[in-house]
Amino acid sequence: MTQGNQTKITDELYAYVLAHNPPLDPVQLDLVETTRHRFPDHAGMQSAQEQGPLLAFLVRLTGARHIVEIGTFTGFSALSMARALPSDGRLIACDVSEEWTAYGRLAWQKAGVADRIDLRIAPALDTLRAMPEEPHIDLAYLDADKGNYIAYWEELVPRMRPGGLVVTDNTLFHGGVVDPHATGAPAAIKEFNAHVSADGRMDSVLLTVADGLTLSRRK
């Protein structure tokens, strides 16, 4: 099996990609650097820089007004999506860490979008199960603990409106999904990817964006 026209992403090419995407605003850039400085051992949990403009693009493309984010960390992805929401749009951000999300709260205030983001500090499954069961979510971004991905998926999908989009991060998990002896998070992602592929309620594509990004549209 050949890789077709797949291009190896060097540091120079990655810089070129960032330079030809919509630029991050000063608040986004400051948040990226603050996260790297404050949490060097966890900075990889932050969505890649090119995912900020992509998420904003998807919000505008779908006309989303009601977004749910599972896994907020220091708030970069929530900030990117909230920037693209209309003024009456709302984003429910789910996380369990007051420490990490405190940096997000500050950035959202600086960016003038704090009124669009409803941060809920609690297990995300509890937050999801407390939501109305009927389809009402326009866009969901899933980037949290990998072992619960299928559980999150099963709570999200029935609540997605027809045409609604679920965006799932880390679906290649550093290449670990092709390891036949994978355990832990890579094994959980392998199971999740198989689950998504078999789900007839959704149309899904797995892309080689950042650490793997799956886009799934509710039929």
N, C-alpha and C. Protein backbone atom coordinates (compact mmCIF):
# COMPACT_ATOMS: atom_id res chain seq x y z
N MET A 1 0.85 -1.20 0.00
CA MET A 1 0.00 0.00 0.00
C MET A 1 0.88 1.25 0.00
N THR A 2 0.67 2.13 -0.95
CA THR A 2 1.46 3.36 -1.04
C THR A 2 0.78 4.47 -0.26
N GLN A 3 1.56 5.52 0.01
CA GLN A 3 1.04 6.67 0.75
C GLN A 3 0.57 7.79 -0.17
N GLY A 4 0.51 7.53 -1.48
CA GLY A 4 0.01 8.54 -2.40
C GLY A 4 0.85 9.79 -2.37
N ASN A 5 0.19 10.93 -2.26
CA ASN A 5 0.89 12.22 -2.27
C ASN A 5 1.12 12.78 -0.87
N GLN A 6 1.14 11.91 0.13
CA GLN A 6 1.35 12.38 1.50
C GLN A 6 2.71 13.04 1.63
N THR A 7 2.73 14.20 2.29
CA THR A 7 3.94 15.00 2.44
C THR A 7 4.46 14.92 3.86
N LYS A 8 5.75 14.68 4.01
CA LYS A 8 6.36 14.67 5.33
C LYS A 8 6.42 16.10 5.87
N ILE A 9 5.95 16.31 7.08
CA ILE A 9 5.90 17.64 7.65
C ILE A 9 7.19 17.91 8.43
N THR A 10 8.05 18.70 7.84
CA THR A 10 9.26 19.14 8.51
C THR A 10 8.96 20.38 9.34
N ASP A 11 9.93 20.80 10.16
CA ASP A 11 9.74 22.03 10.95
C ASP A 11 9.52 23.23 10.04
N GLU A 12 10.27 23.28 8.94
CA GLU A 12 10.14 24.39 8.00
C GLU A 12 8.77 24.40 7.32
N LEU A 13 8.30 23.21 6.97
CA LEU A 13 6.99 23.12 6.32
C LEU A 13 5.87 23.44 7.31
N TYR A 14 6.04 23.02 8.55
CA TYR A 14 5.04 23.33 9.57
C TYR A 14 4.94 24.84 9.78
N ALA A 15 6.09 25.50 9.82
CA ALA A 15 6.10 26.96 9.94
C ALA A 15 5.41 27.61 8.75
N TYR A 16 5.60 27.03 7.57
CA TYR A 16 4.95 27.54 6.35
C TYR A 16 3.43 27.40 6.47
N VAL A 17 2.97 26.25 6.98
CA VAL A 17 1.53 26.04 7.16
C VAL A 17 0.95 27.09 8.09
N LEU A 18 1.61 27.31 9.23
CA LEU A 18 1.11 28.30 10.18
C LEU A 18 1.08 29.69 9.57
N ALA A 19 2.10 29.99 8.75
CA ALA A 19 2.19 31.31 8.14
C ALA A 19 1.10 31.55 7.09
N HIS A 20 0.54 30.46 6.55
CA HIS A 20 -0.47 30.60 5.50
C HIS A 20 -1.87 30.24 6.00
N ASN A 21 -2.01 30.09 7.29
CA ASN A 21 -3.32 29.95 7.91
C ASN A 21 -3.69 31.28 8.56
N PRO A 22 -4.97 31.47 8.91
CA PRO A 22 -5.30 32.67 9.66
C PRO A 22 -4.43 32.75 10.91
N PRO A 23 -3.82 33.87 11.18
CA PRO A 23 -2.90 33.96 12.32
C PRO A 23 -3.64 33.91 13.65
N LEU A 24 -2.97 33.35 14.65
CA LEU A 24 -3.52 33.40 16.00
C LEU A 24 -3.47 34.84 16.49
N ASP A 25 -4.48 35.24 17.25
CA ASP A 25 -4.48 36.60 17.79
C ASP A 25 -3.58 36.65 19.02
N PRO A 26 -3.28 37.84 19.52
CA PRO A 26 -2.35 37.96 20.66
C PRO A 26 -2.78 37.16 21.89
N VAL A 27 -4.07 37.07 22.15
CA VAL A 27 -4.52 36.32 23.33
C VAL A 27 -4.26 34.83 23.13
N GLN A 28 -4.53 34.31 21.94
CA GLN A 28 -4.25 32.91 21.65
C GLN A 28 -2.75 32.61 21.77
N LEU A 29 -1.93 33.47 21.17
CA LEU A 29 -0.48 33.26 21.22
C LEU A 29 0.02 33.29 22.66
N ASP A 30 -0.47 34.22 23.45
CA ASP A 30 -0.05 34.31 24.84
C ASP A 30 -0.47 33.06 25.61
N LEU A 31 -1.65 32.53 25.32
CA LEU A 31 -2.12 31.33 26.00
C LEU A 31 -1.27 30.12 25.63
N VAL A 32 -0.90 30.01 24.36
CA VAL A 32 -0.02 28.92 23.92
C VAL A 32 1.30 28.96 24.67
N GLU A 33 1.91 30.14 24.74
CA GLU A 33 3.20 30.28 25.40
C GLU A 33 3.09 30.11 26.92
N THR A 34 2.02 30.61 27.51
CA THR A 34 1.81 30.45 28.94
C THR A 34 1.66 28.98 29.30
N THR A 35 0.93 28.24 28.48
CA THR A 35 0.74 26.81 28.73
C THR A 35 2.06 26.07 28.66
N ARG A 36 2.87 26.39 27.66
CA ARG A 36 4.17 25.74 27.54
C ARG A 36 5.06 26.04 28.73
N HIS A 37 4.98 27.27 29.22
CA HIS A 37 5.82 27.68 30.35
C HIS A 37 5.33 27.10 31.67
N ARG A 38 4.03 27.18 31.91
CA ARG A 38 3.48 26.76 33.20
C ARG A 38 3.36 25.25 33.33
N PHE A 39 3.07 24.58 32.23
CA PHE A 39 2.82 23.14 32.29
C PHE A 39 3.66 22.40 31.24
N PRO A 40 4.99 22.48 31.34
CA PRO A 40 5.84 21.87 30.30
C PRO A 40 5.63 20.37 30.14
N ASP A 41 5.26 19.69 31.22
CA ASP A 41 5.06 18.24 31.13
C ASP A 41 3.71 17.88 30.54
N HIS A 42 2.82 18.85 30.43
CA HIS A 42 1.47 18.58 29.92
C HIS A 42 1.12 19.42 28.70
N ALA A 43 2.06 20.22 28.21
CA ALA A 43 1.75 21.14 27.11
C ALA A 43 1.26 20.41 25.86
N GLY A 44 1.66 19.14 25.71
CA GLY A 44 1.19 18.36 24.56
C GLY A 44 -0.30 18.10 24.58
N MET A 45 -0.95 18.34 25.72
CA MET A 45 -2.40 18.19 25.79
C MET A 45 -3.13 19.32 25.08
N GLN A 46 -2.43 20.42 24.84
CA GLN A 46 -3.04 21.54 24.15
C GLN A 46 -3.21 21.23 22.67
N SER A 47 -4.35 21.58 22.11
CA SER A 47 -4.56 21.38 20.68
C SER A 47 -3.47 22.08 19.89
N ALA A 48 -3.07 21.48 18.77
CA ALA A 48 -2.02 22.05 17.94
C ALA A 48 -2.44 23.43 17.43
N GLN A 49 -1.44 24.27 17.17
CA GLN A 49 -1.74 25.64 16.77
C GLN A 49 -2.62 25.71 15.53
N GLU A 50 -2.37 24.83 14.55
CA GLU A 50 -3.16 24.88 13.32
C GLU A 50 -4.60 24.44 13.55
N GLN A 51 -4.86 23.78 14.68
CA GLN A 51 -6.22 23.36 14.97
C GLN A 51 -7.10 24.52 15.43
N GLY A 52 -6.49 25.58 15.93
CA GLY A 52 -7.29 26.75 16.32
C GLY A 52 -8.06 27.33 15.16
N PRO A 53 -7.36 27.73 14.07
CA PRO A 53 -8.08 28.24 12.91
C PRO A 53 -9.01 27.20 12.28
N LEU A 54 -8.63 25.92 12.33
CA LEU A 54 -9.49 24.89 11.77
C LEU A 54 -10.79 24.77 12.54
N LEU A 55 -10.72 24.76 13.86
CA LEU A 55 -11.94 24.68 14.66
C LEU A 55 -12.83 25.90 14.43
N ALA A 56 -12.23 27.07 14.34
CA ALA A 56 -13.01 28.28 14.05
C ALA A 56 -13.69 28.17 12.69
N PHE A 57 -12.96 27.64 11.72
CA PHE A 57 -13.50 27.45 10.37
C PHE A 57 -14.70 26.50 10.41
N LEU A 58 -14.60 25.42 11.18
CA LEU A 58 -15.68 24.45 11.26
C LEU A 58 -16.90 25.03 11.96
N VAL A 59 -16.68 25.89 12.95
CA VAL A 59 -17.80 26.56 13.61
C VAL A 59 -18.56 27.40 12.59
N ARG A 60 -17.82 28.17 11.80
CA ARG A 60 -18.47 29.02 10.79
C ARG A 60 -19.10 28.18 9.69
N LEU A 61 -18.42 27.12 9.28
CA LEU A 61 -18.92 26.28 8.19
C LEU A 61 -20.25 25.63 8.56
N THR A 62 -20.37 25.17 9.79
CA THR A 62 -21.60 24.50 10.22
C THR A 62 -22.66 25.47 10.72
N GLY A 63 -22.29 26.73 10.88
CA GLY A 63 -23.23 27.69 11.45
C GLY A 63 -23.55 27.37 12.90
N ALA A 64 -22.61 26.79 13.60
CA ALA A 64 -22.86 26.32 14.97
C ALA A 64 -23.21 27.48 15.90
N ARG A 65 -24.17 27.21 16.76
CA ARG A 65 -24.56 28.15 17.81
C ARG A 65 -24.50 27.50 19.19
N HIS A 66 -24.50 26.17 19.19
CA HIS A 66 -24.44 25.42 20.45
C HIS A 66 -23.32 24.39 20.34
N ILE A 67 -22.23 24.62 21.07
CA ILE A 67 -21.05 23.76 21.02
C ILE A 67 -20.82 23.12 22.38
N VAL A 68 -20.36 21.88 22.35
CA VAL A 68 -19.94 21.19 23.57
C VAL A 68 -18.50 20.75 23.39
N GLU A 69 -17.66 21.08 24.37
CA GLU A 69 -16.27 20.66 24.34
C GLU A 69 -16.01 19.72 25.51
N ILE A 70 -15.45 18.55 25.22
CA ILE A 70 -15.09 17.59 26.25
C ILE A 70 -13.57 17.61 26.39
N GLY A 71 -13.09 18.21 27.45
CA GLY A 71 -11.65 18.37 27.66
C GLY A 71 -11.20 19.76 27.26
N THR A 72 -11.00 20.63 28.22
CA THR A 72 -10.71 22.03 27.93
C THR A 72 -9.26 22.41 28.19
N PHE A 73 -8.61 21.76 29.16
CA PHE A 73 -7.22 22.02 29.55
C PHE A 73 -7.07 23.52 29.86
N THR A 74 -6.18 24.23 29.17
CA THR A 74 -6.00 25.66 29.47
C THR A 74 -6.81 26.57 28.54
N GLY A 75 -7.71 26.00 27.76
CA GLY A 75 -8.71 26.82 27.09
C GLY A 75 -8.43 27.29 25.68
N PHE A 76 -7.35 26.80 25.03
CA PHE A 76 -7.03 27.27 23.68
C PHE A 76 -8.11 26.92 22.66
N SER A 77 -8.55 25.67 22.66
CA SER A 77 -9.56 25.26 21.68
C SER A 77 -10.89 25.95 21.93
N ALA A 78 -11.28 26.07 23.21
CA ALA A 78 -12.53 26.77 23.52
C ALA A 78 -12.46 28.22 23.07
N LEU A 79 -11.33 28.86 23.30
CA LEU A 79 -11.14 30.24 22.85
C LEU A 79 -11.29 30.35 21.34
N SER A 80 -10.67 29.43 20.62
CA SER A 80 -10.71 29.46 19.16
C SER A 80 -12.13 29.30 18.64
N MET A 81 -12.89 28.40 19.24
CA MET A 81 -14.27 28.18 18.79
C MET A 81 -15.18 29.32 19.21
N ALA A 82 -15.01 29.82 20.43
CA ALA A 82 -15.86 30.90 20.92
C ALA A 82 -15.67 32.16 20.09
N ARG A 83 -14.46 32.40 19.62
CA ARG A 83 -14.19 33.55 18.75
C ARG A 83 -15.06 33.51 17.49
N ALA A 84 -15.36 32.30 17.03
CA ALA A 84 -16.11 32.14 15.77
C ALA A 84 -17.62 32.07 15.98
N LEU A 85 -18.05 31.96 17.23
CA LEU A 85 -19.48 31.90 17.52
C LEU A 85 -20.14 33.26 17.32
N PRO A 86 -21.42 33.28 16.94
CA PRO A 86 -22.15 34.55 16.99
C PRO A 86 -22.29 35.00 18.43
N SER A 87 -22.64 36.24 18.65
CA SER A 87 -22.68 36.80 20.00
C SER A 87 -23.66 36.07 20.91
N ASP A 88 -24.70 35.46 20.34
CA ASP A 88 -25.66 34.73 21.16
C ASP A 88 -25.38 33.23 21.18
N GLY A 89 -24.24 32.81 20.61
CA GLY A 89 -23.87 31.41 20.65
C GLY A 89 -23.31 31.03 22.01
N ARG A 90 -23.32 29.74 22.31
CA ARG A 90 -22.83 29.27 23.60
C ARG A 90 -21.99 28.01 23.43
N LEU A 91 -20.95 27.94 24.25
CA LEU A 91 -20.07 26.78 24.27
C LEU A 91 -20.02 26.25 25.70
N ILE A 92 -20.40 25.01 25.88
CA ILE A 92 -20.28 24.35 27.18
C ILE A 92 -18.95 23.63 27.21
N ALA A 93 -18.07 24.05 28.10
CA ALA A 93 -16.73 23.48 28.22
C ALA A 93 -16.67 22.58 29.44
N CYS A 94 -16.29 21.32 29.23
CA CYS A 94 -16.28 20.33 30.30
C CYS A 94 -14.86 19.96 30.68
N ASP A 95 -14.53 20.09 31.95
CA ASP A 95 -13.21 19.70 32.43
C ASP A 95 -13.31 19.42 33.93
N VAL A 96 -12.25 18.82 34.48
CA VAL A 96 -12.26 18.49 35.91
C VAL A 96 -11.21 19.29 36.69
N SER A 97 -10.45 20.14 36.00
CA SER A 97 -9.35 20.85 36.66
C SER A 97 -9.62 22.34 36.78
N GLU A 98 -9.74 22.81 38.00
CA GLU A 98 -9.83 24.25 38.23
C GLU A 98 -8.50 24.93 37.91
N GLU A 99 -7.38 24.24 38.20
CA GLU A 99 -6.06 24.84 37.99
C GLU A 99 -5.81 25.12 36.51
N TRP A 100 -6.01 24.12 35.67
CA TRP A 100 -5.74 24.31 34.25
C TRP A 100 -6.71 25.32 33.63
N THR A 101 -7.99 25.16 33.92
CA THR A 101 -8.99 26.01 33.26
C THR A 101 -8.94 27.46 33.75
N ALA A 102 -8.28 27.71 34.89
CA ALA A 102 -8.14 29.09 35.36
C ALA A 102 -7.42 29.94 34.31
N TYR A 103 -6.47 29.36 33.61
CA TYR A 103 -5.76 30.08 32.56
C TYR A 103 -6.69 30.34 31.37
N GLY A 104 -7.58 29.41 31.11
CA GLY A 104 -8.56 29.62 30.06
C GLY A 104 -9.52 30.73 30.41
N ARG A 105 -10.01 30.73 31.64
CA ARG A 105 -10.94 31.79 32.06
C ARG A 105 -10.34 33.17 31.84
N LEU A 106 -9.07 33.32 32.21
CA LEU A 106 -8.41 34.61 32.06
C LEU A 106 -8.29 34.99 30.58
N ALA A 107 -7.92 34.03 29.76
CA ALA A 107 -7.79 34.30 28.32
C ALA A 107 -9.13 34.64 27.69
N TRP A 108 -10.18 33.93 28.10
CA TRP A 108 -11.51 34.21 27.54
C TRP A 108 -11.97 35.62 27.90
N GLN A 109 -11.66 36.03 29.11
CA GLN A 109 -12.01 37.39 29.52
C GLN A 109 -11.24 38.42 28.70
N LYS A 110 -9.94 38.18 28.52
CA LYS A 110 -9.13 39.10 27.73
C LYS A 110 -9.64 39.21 26.29
N ALA A 111 -10.11 38.09 25.76
CA ALA A 111 -10.58 38.06 24.37
C ALA A 111 -12.02 38.55 24.22
N GLY A 112 -12.71 38.80 25.33
CA GLY A 112 -14.08 39.28 25.26
C GLY A 112 -15.10 38.23 24.90
N VAL A 113 -14.80 36.94 25.16
CA VAL A 113 -15.74 35.87 24.81
C VAL A 113 -16.18 35.07 26.03
N ALA A 114 -15.84 35.54 27.23
CA ALA A 114 -16.17 34.77 28.43
C ALA A 114 -17.68 34.55 28.57
N ASP A 115 -18.47 35.49 28.06
CA ASP A 115 -19.93 35.36 28.17
C ASP A 115 -20.49 34.29 27.24
N ARG A 116 -19.67 33.79 26.31
CA ARG A 116 -20.12 32.74 25.39
C ARG A 116 -19.74 31.35 25.88
N ILE A 117 -18.93 31.26 26.95
CA ILE A 117 -18.40 29.98 27.41
C ILE A 117 -18.94 29.66 28.80
N ASP A 118 -19.56 28.50 28.91
CA ASP A 118 -20.09 28.00 30.17
C ASP A 118 -19.19 26.85 30.61
N LEU A 119 -18.24 27.13 31.51
CA LEU A 119 -17.30 26.13 32.00
C LEU A 119 -17.94 25.33 33.13
N ARG A 120 -17.93 24.03 32.98
CA ARG A 120 -18.52 23.15 33.98
C ARG A 120 -17.46 22.21 34.52
N ILE A 121 -17.07 22.42 35.76
CA ILE A 121 -16.06 21.60 36.40
C ILE A 121 -16.74 20.40 37.05
N ALA A 122 -16.66 19.28 36.37
CA ALA A 122 -17.30 18.05 36.82
C ALA A 122 -16.92 16.95 35.84
N PRO A 123 -17.08 15.69 36.20
CA PRO A 123 -16.89 14.63 35.21
C PRO A 123 -17.77 14.89 33.99
N ALA A 124 -17.17 14.83 32.81
CA ALA A 124 -17.91 15.21 31.60
C ALA A 124 -19.11 14.31 31.35
N LEU A 125 -19.03 13.05 31.72
CA LEU A 125 -20.18 12.17 31.52
C LEU A 125 -21.38 12.65 32.34
N ASP A 126 -21.12 13.16 33.54
CA ASP A 126 -22.22 13.70 34.36
C ASP A 126 -22.82 14.93 33.68
N THR A 127 -21.96 15.79 33.16
CA THR A 127 -22.44 17.00 32.48
C THR A 127 -23.25 16.64 31.25
N LEU A 128 -22.77 15.69 30.47
CA LEU A 128 -23.48 15.29 29.25
C LEU A 128 -24.84 14.67 29.60
N ARG A 129 -24.87 13.81 30.60
CA ARG A 129 -26.12 13.11 30.93
C ARG A 129 -27.16 14.04 31.53
N ALA A 130 -26.72 15.20 32.02
CA ALA A 130 -27.66 16.19 32.54
C ALA A 130 -28.26 17.07 31.45
N MET A 131 -27.73 16.96 30.23
CA MET A 131 -28.23 17.77 29.11
C MET A 131 -29.52 17.19 28.55
N PRO A 132 -30.32 18.01 27.85
CA PRO A 132 -31.51 17.47 27.19
C PRO A 132 -31.14 16.32 26.26
N GLU A 133 -31.99 15.32 26.19
CA GLU A 133 -31.68 14.13 25.41
C GLU A 133 -31.97 14.31 23.92
N GLU A 134 -32.79 15.29 23.58
CA GLU A 134 -33.13 15.47 22.16
C GLU A 134 -31.96 16.09 21.40
N PRO A 135 -31.91 15.93 20.09
CA PRO A 135 -30.82 16.49 19.29
C PRO A 135 -30.82 18.01 19.36
N HIS A 136 -29.70 18.58 19.82
CA HIS A 136 -29.63 20.04 19.94
C HIS A 136 -28.22 20.59 19.80
N ILE A 137 -27.21 19.74 19.77
CA ILE A 137 -25.82 20.20 19.69
C ILE A 137 -25.41 20.34 18.23
N ASP A 138 -24.83 21.47 17.89
CA ASP A 138 -24.38 21.71 16.51
C ASP A 138 -22.98 21.18 16.25
N LEU A 139 -22.12 21.32 17.24
CA LEU A 139 -20.72 20.91 17.08
C LEU A 139 -20.18 20.46 18.43
N ALA A 140 -19.43 19.37 18.42
CA ALA A 140 -18.79 18.89 19.64
C ALA A 140 -17.31 18.64 19.35
N TYR A 141 -16.47 18.99 20.32
CA TYR A 141 -15.04 18.75 20.20
C TYR A 141 -14.63 17.83 21.34
N LEU A 142 -14.11 16.67 20.99
CA LEU A 142 -13.75 15.64 21.96
C LEU A 142 -12.24 15.52 22.04
N ASP A 143 -11.68 15.90 23.20
CA ASP A 143 -10.23 15.87 23.40
C ASP A 143 -9.96 15.71 24.89
N ALA A 144 -10.29 14.53 25.40
CA ALA A 144 -10.20 14.29 26.84
C ALA A 144 -9.55 12.93 27.10
N ASP A 145 -9.86 12.34 28.25
CA ASP A 145 -9.27 11.05 28.61
C ASP A 145 -9.72 9.97 27.62
N LYS A 146 -8.74 9.29 27.05
CA LYS A 146 -9.01 8.40 25.92
C LYS A 146 -9.84 7.18 26.31
N GLY A 147 -9.70 6.72 27.54
CA GLY A 147 -10.45 5.54 27.96
C GLY A 147 -11.95 5.74 27.97
N ASN A 148 -12.39 6.98 28.02
CA ASN A 148 -13.83 7.28 28.03
C ASN A 148 -14.35 7.78 26.69
N TYR A 149 -13.53 7.73 25.65
CA TYR A 149 -13.97 8.26 24.36
C TYR A 149 -15.27 7.62 23.88
N ILE A 150 -15.38 6.32 23.97
CA ILE A 150 -16.61 5.66 23.49
C ILE A 150 -17.81 6.09 24.34
N ALA A 151 -17.62 6.19 25.64
CA ALA A 151 -18.72 6.63 26.51
C ALA A 151 -19.14 8.05 26.17
N TYR A 152 -18.17 8.94 25.94
CA TYR A 152 -18.51 10.31 25.54
C TYR A 152 -19.27 10.30 24.21
N TRP A 153 -18.76 9.53 23.28
CA TRP A 153 -19.38 9.42 21.96
C TRP A 153 -20.84 9.01 22.07
N GLU A 154 -21.10 8.02 22.90
CA GLU A 154 -22.47 7.50 23.01
C GLU A 154 -23.41 8.49 23.69
N GLU A 155 -22.88 9.39 24.49
CA GLU A 155 -23.71 10.45 25.06
C GLU A 155 -23.90 11.59 24.07
N LEU A 156 -22.89 11.85 23.25
CA LEU A 156 -22.95 12.98 22.32
C LEU A 156 -23.83 12.68 21.11
N VAL A 157 -23.63 11.53 20.48
CA VAL A 157 -24.26 11.28 19.17
C VAL A 157 -25.78 11.46 19.20
N PRO A 158 -26.52 10.90 20.17
CA PRO A 158 -27.97 11.11 20.16
C PRO A 158 -28.38 12.58 20.35
N ARG A 159 -27.47 13.39 20.88
CA ARG A 159 -27.77 14.79 21.14
C ARG A 159 -27.33 15.72 20.01
N MET A 160 -26.70 15.15 18.97
CA MET A 160 -26.28 15.95 17.83
C MET A 160 -27.45 16.18 16.89
N ARG A 161 -27.61 17.41 16.44
CA ARG A 161 -28.66 17.67 15.44
C ARG A 161 -28.26 17.03 14.12
N PRO A 162 -29.22 16.73 13.22
CA PRO A 162 -28.85 16.26 11.89
C PRO A 162 -27.92 17.25 11.21
N GLY A 163 -26.83 16.76 10.69
CA GLY A 163 -25.81 17.63 10.10
C GLY A 163 -24.80 18.14 11.11
N GLY A 164 -25.03 17.87 12.41
CA GLY A 164 -24.08 18.29 13.44
C GLY A 164 -22.76 17.55 13.32
N LEU A 165 -21.71 18.16 13.82
CA LEU A 165 -20.36 17.66 13.61
C LEU A 165 -19.69 17.34 14.94
N VAL A 166 -19.13 16.12 15.05
CA VAL A 166 -18.28 15.75 16.17
C VAL A 166 -16.84 15.73 15.67
N VAL A 167 -15.98 16.49 16.31
CA VAL A 167 -14.56 16.55 15.96
C VAL A 167 -13.79 15.88 17.09
N THR A 168 -13.05 14.82 16.77
CA THR A 168 -12.34 14.05 17.79
C THR A 168 -10.85 14.14 17.55
N ASP A 169 -10.12 14.52 18.60
CA ASP A 169 -8.66 14.70 18.49
C ASP A 169 -7.92 13.45 18.95
N ASN A 170 -6.67 13.34 18.51
CA ASN A 170 -5.73 12.28 18.92
C ASN A 170 -6.13 10.89 18.44
N THR A 171 -6.76 10.80 17.29
CA THR A 171 -7.24 9.49 16.83
C THR A 171 -6.16 8.67 16.11
N LEU A 172 -4.95 9.17 16.05
CA LEU A 172 -3.79 8.35 15.64
C LEU A 172 -2.88 8.07 16.83
N PHE A 173 -3.01 8.83 17.88
CA PHE A 173 -2.27 8.70 19.13
C PHE A 173 -0.80 8.38 18.90
N HIS A 174 -0.11 9.30 18.28
CA HIS A 174 1.34 9.21 18.07
C HIS A 174 1.73 7.94 17.30
N GLY A 175 0.82 7.44 16.49
CA GLY A 175 1.08 6.23 15.72
C GLY A 175 0.81 4.95 16.48
N GLY A 176 0.43 5.05 17.74
CA GLY A 176 0.21 3.86 18.55
C GLY A 176 -0.95 2.99 18.12
N VAL A 177 -1.82 3.51 17.28
CA VAL A 177 -2.98 2.74 16.85
C VAL A 177 -2.60 1.57 15.93
N VAL A 178 -1.40 1.59 15.36
CA VAL A 178 -1.00 0.49 14.49
C VAL A 178 -0.15 -0.54 15.23
N ASP A 179 0.05 -0.35 16.51
CA ASP A 179 0.80 -1.30 17.32
C ASP A 179 -0.12 -2.46 17.70
N PRO A 180 0.16 -3.69 17.23
CA PRO A 180 -0.73 -4.81 17.55
C PRO A 180 -0.72 -5.17 19.03
N HIS A 181 0.25 -4.69 19.76
CA HIS A 181 0.35 -4.98 21.20
C HIS A 181 0.00 -3.76 22.05
N ALA A 182 -0.68 -2.81 21.46
CA ALA A 182 -0.99 -1.57 22.17
C ALA A 182 -1.83 -1.84 23.41
N THR A 183 -1.54 -1.08 24.46
CA THR A 183 -2.32 -1.12 25.68
C THR A 183 -2.64 0.32 26.08
N GLY A 184 -3.41 0.49 27.13
CA GLY A 184 -3.69 1.82 27.64
C GLY A 184 -4.38 2.71 26.63
N ALA A 185 -3.95 3.97 26.57
CA ALA A 185 -4.60 4.96 25.70
C ALA A 185 -4.58 4.57 24.22
N PRO A 186 -3.44 4.10 23.66
CA PRO A 186 -3.47 3.70 22.25
C PRO A 186 -4.49 2.60 21.97
N ALA A 187 -4.60 1.64 22.87
CA ALA A 187 -5.58 0.58 22.69
C ALA A 187 -7.01 1.13 22.75
N ALA A 188 -7.22 2.08 23.65
CA ALA A 188 -8.55 2.70 23.76
C ALA A 188 -8.91 3.45 22.49
N ILE A 189 -7.93 4.14 21.91
CA ILE A 189 -8.18 4.87 20.66
C ILE A 189 -8.46 3.89 19.52
N LYS A 190 -7.72 2.79 19.46
CA LYS A 190 -8.00 1.77 18.43
C LYS A 190 -9.44 1.28 18.54
N GLU A 191 -9.88 1.02 19.76
CA GLU A 191 -11.25 0.56 19.97
C GLU A 191 -12.24 1.65 19.58
N PHE A 192 -11.93 2.89 19.93
CA PHE A 192 -12.81 4.00 19.57
C PHE A 192 -12.91 4.14 18.05
N ASN A 193 -11.78 4.09 17.35
CA ASN A 193 -11.80 4.24 15.90
C ASN A 193 -12.64 3.16 15.23
N ALA A 194 -12.54 1.94 15.73
CA ALA A 194 -13.36 0.85 15.19
C ALA A 194 -14.84 1.10 15.47
N HIS A 195 -15.13 1.59 16.67
CA HIS A 195 -16.51 1.90 17.06
C HIS A 195 -17.10 2.97 16.15
N VAL A 196 -16.33 4.02 15.89
CA VAL A 196 -16.81 5.11 15.03
C VAL A 196 -17.03 4.62 13.60
N SER A 197 -16.09 3.83 13.09
CA SER A 197 -16.21 3.33 11.72
C SER A 197 -17.46 2.48 11.53
N ALA A 198 -17.89 1.81 12.59
CA ALA A 198 -19.05 0.92 12.49
C ALA A 198 -20.36 1.60 12.84
N ASP A 199 -20.33 2.87 13.21
CA ASP A 199 -21.53 3.57 13.67
C ASP A 199 -22.31 4.12 12.47
N GLY A 200 -23.43 3.49 12.18
CA GLY A 200 -24.22 3.87 11.02
C GLY A 200 -24.98 5.18 11.18
N ARG A 201 -24.94 5.77 12.37
CA ARG A 201 -25.62 7.05 12.58
C ARG A 201 -24.81 8.22 12.05
N MET A 202 -23.53 7.97 11.78
CA MET A 202 -22.60 9.05 11.46
C MET A 202 -21.84 8.76 10.17
N ASP A 203 -21.49 9.81 9.46
CA ASP A 203 -20.51 9.74 8.38
C ASP A 203 -19.20 10.26 8.94
N SER A 204 -18.11 9.48 8.85
CA SER A 204 -16.87 9.86 9.50
C SER A 204 -15.67 9.72 8.57
N VAL A 205 -14.71 10.62 8.76
CA VAL A 205 -13.42 10.52 8.08
C VAL A 205 -12.31 10.76 9.09
N LEU A 206 -11.26 9.96 9.03
CA LEU A 206 -10.10 10.11 9.90
C LEU A 206 -9.01 10.78 9.08
N LEU A 207 -8.51 11.91 9.57
CA LEU A 207 -7.54 12.71 8.84
C LEU A 207 -6.20 12.74 9.56
N THR A 208 -5.13 12.89 8.78
CA THR A 208 -3.79 12.97 9.36
C THR A 208 -3.45 14.42 9.70
N VAL A 209 -4.31 15.05 10.47
CA VAL A 209 -4.10 16.41 10.96
C VAL A 209 -3.57 16.30 12.38
N ALA A 210 -2.46 16.98 12.66
CA ALA A 210 -1.85 16.95 14.00
C ALA A 210 -1.68 15.49 14.43
N ASP A 211 -2.28 15.09 15.55
CA ASP A 211 -2.14 13.72 16.06
C ASP A 211 -3.30 12.83 15.63
N GLY A 212 -3.91 13.19 14.50
CA GLY A 212 -5.08 12.46 14.02
C GLY A 212 -6.35 13.16 14.44
N LEU A 213 -7.19 13.48 13.47
CA LEU A 213 -8.43 14.21 13.73
C LEU A 213 -9.55 13.52 12.95
N THR A 214 -10.59 13.12 13.65
CA THR A 214 -11.73 12.47 13.02
C THR A 214 -12.91 13.44 13.00
N LEU A 215 -13.48 13.62 11.81
CA LEU A 215 -14.67 14.46 11.63
C LEU A 215 -15.85 13.51 11.38
N SER A 216 -16.89 13.69 12.15
CA SER A 216 -18.07 12.81 12.07
C SER A 216 -19.33 13.64 11.99
N ARG A 217 -20.10 13.42 10.94
CA ARG A 217 -21.33 14.18 10.69
C ARG A 217 -22.56 13.33 10.99
N ARG A 218 -23.46 13.90 11.78
CA ARG A 218 -24.71 13.18 12.11
C ARG A 218 -25.60 13.12 10.90
N LYS A 219 -26.03 11.93 10.55
CA LYS A 219 -26.91 11.74 9.40
C LYS A 219 -28.32 12.28 9.70
